[in-house]
Amino acid sequence: MRTPLRTTGIWSGQLRYGDQTEAARHAAELEQLGYHTLWIPDVGGNLFTALGNLLGATSTVTIATGILNVWMHTPEQAATEHARLVGEHGPRFMCGLGISHQPLIDHVKEPGAYQKPVAHMTEYLDGLDAASTPLASGDRMLAALGPRMLELAASRTAGTHPYLVTPELTAAARQGIGTGLVASEQGVVLETDPSTARSIARLHLTSYLGLPNYANNWKRQGFTDDDIANGGSDRLVDALVVWGDEAAIARRIQAHRDAGADHVCVQVLTAHPAEFPIEQWRALAPAIV
């Protein structure tokens, strides 16, 4: 079995952590608007209830985790819940897996818990394979940024879900993954005023700029410590988050496709991160779906 993953999707923390009745209603509308995959994050908690809510509200779209945090759910739990949800809703659950970040895991678990990320992910994939109902390689992806994690994704999963990347880094993911799937996330601000748009983008980027996994990936493209410091340079902000009108956003999404992305999941950013950006989702659909 291989979970379908096509053209353009929506990446949304609101669908995961917002009011679940609203989330279900908006998921159904996103399906009608033509978005093919809905992605939700995970930093622990009742992930599988949220997935079931979205799967139950839709009938054709794929629901994906971007990502399932492998420190917060055992392989047996992940495999069992995947099998249950697929059994109830059909093969529409793509399990994106991620190794997370040292500051978060050392805080949630204990200092020093986060070690040997590639080895830990390898053990986790072994656990998925050995589960009572294995989670097949075609139904899982890795949020792989570095070359060793990309190699693991290529050999043991359907592909990779690069997050906070430029089209150039999508091209690097394509090179590293070979023929596997590349599903790149792209932050967008539907706003033409540069100051307002960059302010919204920086609000989003604040929690990411200090994380080594991302910083190292941006440096591989040529960004410097100065670009990453003090809220991010305009050069870095504009590279990571596209802003402007619908046409400008569509051009960036096409750039990811030209770089080798099979699928681009759009994360709409606004000045009110907790609110569902339904108006922006609606406005963008004709241009990017």
Protein backbone atom coordinates (compact mmCIF):
# COMPACT_ATOMS: atom_id res chain seq x y z
CA MET A 1 0.00 0.00 0.00
CA ARG A 2 1.22 3.51 -0.82
CA THR A 3 -0.65 6.48 0.55
CA PRO A 4 -1.50 8.97 -2.23
CA LEU A 5 0.40 12.27 -2.14
CA ARG A 6 -0.20 14.75 -4.92
CA THR A 7 0.48 18.33 -6.07
CA THR A 8 -0.55 20.92 -3.43
CA GLY A 9 -1.54 20.61 0.20
CA ILE A 10 -2.06 22.66 3.36
CA TRP A 11 0.20 22.50 6.43
CA SER A 12 -1.69 23.75 9.48
CA GLY A 13 -1.11 23.85 13.20
CA GLN A 14 -4.66 25.13 13.57
CA LEU A 15 -6.10 21.88 12.20
CA ARG A 16 -4.17 20.07 14.95
CA TYR A 17 -4.54 22.37 17.95
CA GLY A 18 -7.56 24.52 17.15
CA ASP A 19 -11.18 23.78 17.97
CA GLN A 20 -11.77 20.31 16.55
CA THR A 21 -15.31 21.00 15.34
CA GLU A 22 -14.00 23.96 13.38
CA ALA A 23 -11.03 21.91 12.19
CA ALA A 24 -13.33 19.24 10.79
CA ARG A 25 -15.47 21.82 9.01
CA HIS A 26 -12.47 23.57 7.49
CA ALA A 27 -10.88 20.27 6.46
CA ALA A 28 -14.02 19.39 4.51
CA GLU A 29 -13.90 22.77 2.77
CA LEU A 30 -10.19 22.44 1.98
CA GLU A 31 -10.99 19.13 0.32
CA GLN A 32 -13.68 20.83 -1.77
CA LEU A 33 -11.27 23.63 -2.70
CA GLY A 34 -9.00 21.00 -4.27
CA TYR A 35 -6.14 20.73 -1.78
CA HIS A 36 -4.89 17.15 -1.91
CA THR A 37 -3.17 16.67 1.45
CA LEU A 38 -3.61 18.22 4.90
CA TRP A 39 -0.55 18.19 7.17
CA ILE A 40 -0.55 18.61 10.94
CA PRO A 41 2.34 18.94 13.43
CA ASP A 42 3.07 17.03 16.62
CA VAL A 43 4.83 17.95 19.84
CA GLY A 44 3.15 15.21 21.87
CA GLY A 45 -0.40 14.87 23.10
CA ASN A 46 -3.38 13.18 21.52
CA LEU A 47 -2.19 13.20 17.92
CA PHE A 48 -4.26 10.26 16.74
CA THR A 49 -7.58 11.74 17.87
CA ALA A 50 -6.81 14.83 15.77
CA LEU A 51 -5.92 12.64 12.79
CA GLY A 52 -9.14 10.68 13.16
CA ASN A 53 -11.12 13.91 13.31
CA LEU A 54 -9.70 15.10 9.99
CA LEU A 55 -9.98 11.73 8.30
CA GLY A 56 -13.58 11.43 9.43
CA ALA A 57 -14.44 14.87 8.06
CA THR A 58 -13.04 14.13 4.60
CA SER A 59 -13.29 11.38 2.02
CA THR A 60 -10.54 11.80 -0.58
CA VAL A 61 -7.68 13.92 0.79
CA THR A 62 -4.59 12.43 2.40
CA ILE A 63 -3.98 13.41 6.02
CA ALA A 64 -0.29 13.56 6.90
CA THR A 65 1.81 14.19 9.97
CA GLY A 66 4.46 16.82 9.57
CA ILE A 67 5.72 15.31 11.75
CA LEU A 68 4.98 12.53 14.21
CA ASN A 69 7.59 13.15 16.91
CA VAL A 70 9.41 9.86 17.36
CA TRP A 71 10.41 10.69 20.95
CA MET A 72 6.79 11.03 22.02
CA HIS A 73 5.08 7.94 20.55
CA THR A 74 6.40 4.39 20.58
CA PRO A 75 6.80 2.55 17.27
CA GLU A 76 4.15 0.04 18.34
CA GLN A 77 1.67 2.82 19.11
CA ALA A 78 2.37 4.60 15.83
CA ALA A 79 1.99 1.41 13.79
CA THR A 80 -1.14 0.28 15.64
CA GLU A 81 -2.85 3.65 15.30
CA HIS A 82 -1.90 3.90 11.64
CA ALA A 83 -3.44 0.49 10.98
CA ARG A 84 -6.59 1.45 12.89
CA LEU A 85 -7.07 4.74 11.06
CA VAL A 86 -6.39 3.22 7.65
CA GLY A 87 -8.84 0.45 8.46
CA GLU A 88 -11.51 2.99 9.34
CA HIS A 89 -10.86 5.58 6.61
CA GLY A 90 -8.89 3.91 3.82
CA PRO A 91 -5.26 4.44 2.77
CA ARG A 92 -5.24 8.20 3.33
CA PHE A 93 -2.81 8.54 6.25
CA MET A 94 0.79 9.38 5.38
CA CYS A 95 2.92 9.09 8.50
CA GLY A 96 5.62 11.72 8.35
CA LEU A 97 8.22 11.02 11.03
CA GLY A 98 10.67 13.47 12.56
CA ILE A 99 13.57 13.36 14.97
CA SER A 100 12.62 16.76 16.47
CA HIS A 101 15.15 19.07 18.14
CA GLN A 102 17.56 18.75 21.03
CA PRO A 103 16.34 21.76 23.07
CA LEU A 104 12.74 20.49 23.01
CA ILE A 105 13.48 16.83 23.73
CA ASP A 106 16.03 17.56 26.46
CA HIS A 107 13.42 19.81 28.09
CA VAL A 108 10.48 17.41 27.77
CA LYS A 109 12.41 14.23 28.57
CA GLU A 110 15.59 14.97 30.49
CA PRO A 111 18.86 16.77 29.80
CA GLY A 112 20.99 14.69 27.46
CA ALA A 113 18.08 12.55 26.19
CA TYR A 114 18.52 13.73 22.60
CA GLN A 115 21.49 11.84 21.20
CA LYS A 116 22.48 10.09 17.96
CA PRO A 117 19.47 11.20 15.90
CA VAL A 118 20.18 8.98 12.88
CA ALA A 119 20.70 5.92 15.08
CA HIS A 120 17.53 6.69 17.04
CA MET A 121 15.50 7.08 13.85
CA THR A 122 16.94 3.82 12.50
CA GLU A 123 15.82 2.04 15.66
CA TYR A 124 12.39 3.61 15.36
CA LEU A 125 11.99 2.37 11.77
CA ASP A 126 13.09 -1.07 12.96
CA GLY A 127 10.31 -0.87 15.54
CA LEU A 128 7.72 0.04 12.91
CA ASP A 129 8.83 -2.95 10.83
CA ALA A 130 8.62 -5.27 13.85
CA ALA A 131 5.25 -4.00 15.14
CA SER A 132 2.33 -6.41 15.41
CA THR A 133 0.87 -4.63 12.38
CA PRO A 134 3.91 -3.13 10.62
CA LEU A 135 3.75 0.39 9.23
CA ALA A 136 4.89 -0.15 5.64
CA SER A 137 7.73 1.87 4.16
CA GLY A 138 5.40 3.25 1.47
CA ASP A 139 3.18 4.84 4.12
CA ARG A 140 5.91 6.73 5.97
CA MET A 141 8.29 9.59 5.23
CA LEU A 142 11.12 11.29 7.10
CA ALA A 143 11.62 14.98 7.78
CA ALA A 144 15.20 14.66 6.57
CA LEU A 145 17.48 17.66 6.17
CA GLY A 146 21.04 16.38 6.50
CA PRO A 147 22.63 13.91 4.08
CA ARG A 148 22.64 10.93 6.48
CA MET A 149 18.94 11.29 7.33
CA LEU A 150 18.16 11.70 3.62
CA GLU A 151 20.00 8.47 2.93
CA LEU A 152 17.90 6.74 5.56
CA ALA A 153 14.71 8.18 4.10
CA ALA A 154 15.69 6.99 0.64
CA SER A 155 16.38 3.44 1.74
CA ARG A 156 13.56 2.86 4.21
CA THR A 157 10.62 5.19 3.50
CA ALA A 158 8.55 6.64 0.68
CA GLY A 159 10.51 9.90 0.74
CA THR A 160 11.13 13.10 2.64
CA HIS A 161 9.18 16.05 4.03
CA PRO A 162 11.60 19.02 4.09
CA TYR A 163 10.37 21.83 6.36
CA LEU A 164 11.48 25.48 6.27
CA VAL A 165 13.38 25.08 3.03
CA THR A 166 14.04 27.09 -0.09
CA PRO A 167 13.68 25.72 -3.62
CA GLU A 168 17.47 25.26 -3.61
CA LEU A 169 17.17 23.02 -0.56
CA THR A 170 14.30 21.17 -2.22
CA ALA A 171 16.73 20.46 -5.07
CA ALA A 172 19.24 19.10 -2.55
CA ALA A 173 16.52 16.90 -1.06
CA ARG A 174 15.65 15.60 -4.52
CA GLN A 175 19.27 14.75 -5.17
CA GLY A 176 19.57 13.00 -1.81
CA ILE A 177 16.32 11.03 -2.01
CA GLY A 178 16.67 9.83 -5.58
CA THR A 179 13.34 8.62 -6.94
CA GLY A 180 11.48 8.89 -3.61
CA LEU A 181 8.81 11.45 -2.84
CA VAL A 182 9.76 15.02 -1.94
CA ALA A 183 7.00 16.92 -0.10
CA SER A 184 8.33 20.40 0.71
CA GLU A 185 6.70 22.81 3.16
CA GLN A 186 6.48 26.48 2.18
CA GLY A 187 5.45 29.29 4.51
CA VAL A 188 3.40 32.02 2.81
CA VAL A 189 2.05 35.44 3.77
CA LEU A 190 -0.71 36.78 1.53
CA GLU A 191 0.34 40.41 2.03
CA THR A 192 1.99 42.85 -0.38
CA ASP A 193 3.38 45.37 2.12
CA PRO A 194 7.01 44.34 2.80
CA SER A 195 7.14 45.56 6.39
CA THR A 196 3.87 43.91 7.40
CA ALA A 197 4.68 40.68 5.58
CA ARG A 198 8.15 40.36 7.08
CA SER A 199 6.81 41.10 10.55
CA ILE A 200 4.37 38.19 10.21
CA ALA A 201 7.12 35.96 8.82
CA ARG A 202 9.48 36.79 11.69
CA LEU A 203 6.74 36.04 14.22
CA HIS A 204 6.61 32.55 12.72
CA LEU A 205 10.37 32.09 12.45
CA THR A 206 11.20 33.16 16.01
CA SER A 207 10.97 29.67 17.49
CA TYR A 208 12.98 28.09 14.65
CA LEU A 209 15.97 30.40 14.25
CA GLY A 210 17.72 29.01 17.33
CA LEU A 211 17.36 25.35 16.38
CA PRO A 212 20.62 23.83 15.09
CA ASN A 213 18.96 21.37 12.69
CA TYR A 214 17.47 24.22 10.67
CA ALA A 215 20.39 26.63 11.05
CA ASN A 216 22.84 24.03 9.76
CA ASN A 217 20.62 23.34 6.77
CA TRP A 218 20.40 27.02 5.86
CA LYS A 219 24.17 27.36 6.20
CA ARG A 220 24.58 24.54 3.69
CA GLN A 221 22.89 26.89 1.21
CA GLY A 222 25.21 29.76 2.07
CA PHE A 223 23.41 31.70 4.77
CA THR A 224 25.55 32.90 7.66
CA ASP A 225 25.27 33.36 11.41
CA ASP A 226 24.57 37.04 10.72
CA ASP A 227 21.59 36.05 8.54
CA ILE A 228 20.19 33.89 11.33
CA ALA A 229 20.77 36.35 14.21
CA ASN A 230 18.40 39.07 15.48
CA GLY A 231 15.19 37.72 14.00
CA GLY A 232 16.70 36.81 10.66
CA SER A 233 17.99 39.02 7.85
CA ASP A 234 15.55 40.15 5.19
CA ARG A 235 17.48 37.86 2.81
CA LEU A 236 16.82 34.80 4.96
CA VAL A 237 13.24 35.74 5.80
CA ASP A 238 12.36 36.28 2.15
CA ALA A 239 14.03 33.00 1.17
CA LEU A 240 12.11 30.96 3.74
CA VAL A 241 8.71 32.68 3.65
CA VAL A 242 7.23 33.92 0.41
CA TRP A 243 4.98 36.97 0.63
CA GLY A 244 3.00 39.00 -1.85
CA ASP A 245 -0.09 38.39 -3.94
CA GLU A 246 -1.42 35.07 -5.17
CA ALA A 247 0.78 35.17 -8.28
CA ALA A 248 3.96 35.70 -6.26
CA ILE A 249 3.11 32.79 -3.99
CA ALA A 250 2.27 30.58 -6.97
CA ARG A 251 5.69 31.35 -8.50
CA ARG A 252 7.51 30.18 -5.36
CA ILE A 253 5.49 26.97 -5.24
CA GLN A 254 6.31 26.35 -8.89
CA ALA A 255 9.99 26.93 -8.08
CA HIS A 256 9.82 24.04 -5.59
CA ARG A 257 8.21 21.85 -8.23
CA ASP A 258 10.85 22.84 -10.77
CA ALA A 259 13.47 21.90 -8.16
CA GLY A 260 12.06 18.40 -7.83
CA ALA A 261 9.17 18.54 -5.35
CA ASP A 262 6.37 16.06 -6.02
CA HIS A 263 4.18 17.87 -3.52
CA VAL A 264 4.26 21.30 -1.85
CA CYS A 265 2.37 21.89 1.39
CA VAL A 266 1.55 25.53 2.02
CA GLN A 267 1.57 26.94 5.54
CA VAL A 268 -0.39 30.19 5.57
CA LEU A 269 0.93 32.66 8.13
CA THR A 270 -1.02 35.58 9.57
CA ALA A 271 -0.71 38.09 12.39
CA HIS A 272 -3.03 35.86 14.46
CA PRO A 273 -1.43 32.39 14.44
CA ALA A 274 -4.15 30.69 16.50
CA GLU A 275 -6.90 31.59 14.03
CA PHE A 276 -7.83 29.41 11.05
CA PRO A 277 -6.69 31.35 7.93
CA ILE A 278 -9.71 30.24 5.95
CA GLU A 279 -9.97 33.42 3.84
CA GLN A 280 -6.37 33.02 2.70
CA TRP A 281 -6.87 29.32 2.00
CA ARG A 282 -9.84 30.22 -0.18
CA ALA A 283 -8.06 33.05 -1.97
CA LEU A 284 -4.98 30.98 -2.78
CA ALA A 285 -6.75 27.86 -4.05
CA PRO A 286 -7.39 29.07 -7.65
CA ALA A 287 -3.74 30.06 -8.03
CA ILE A 288 -1.93 27.10 -6.48
CA VAL A 289 -4.13 24.00 -6.56
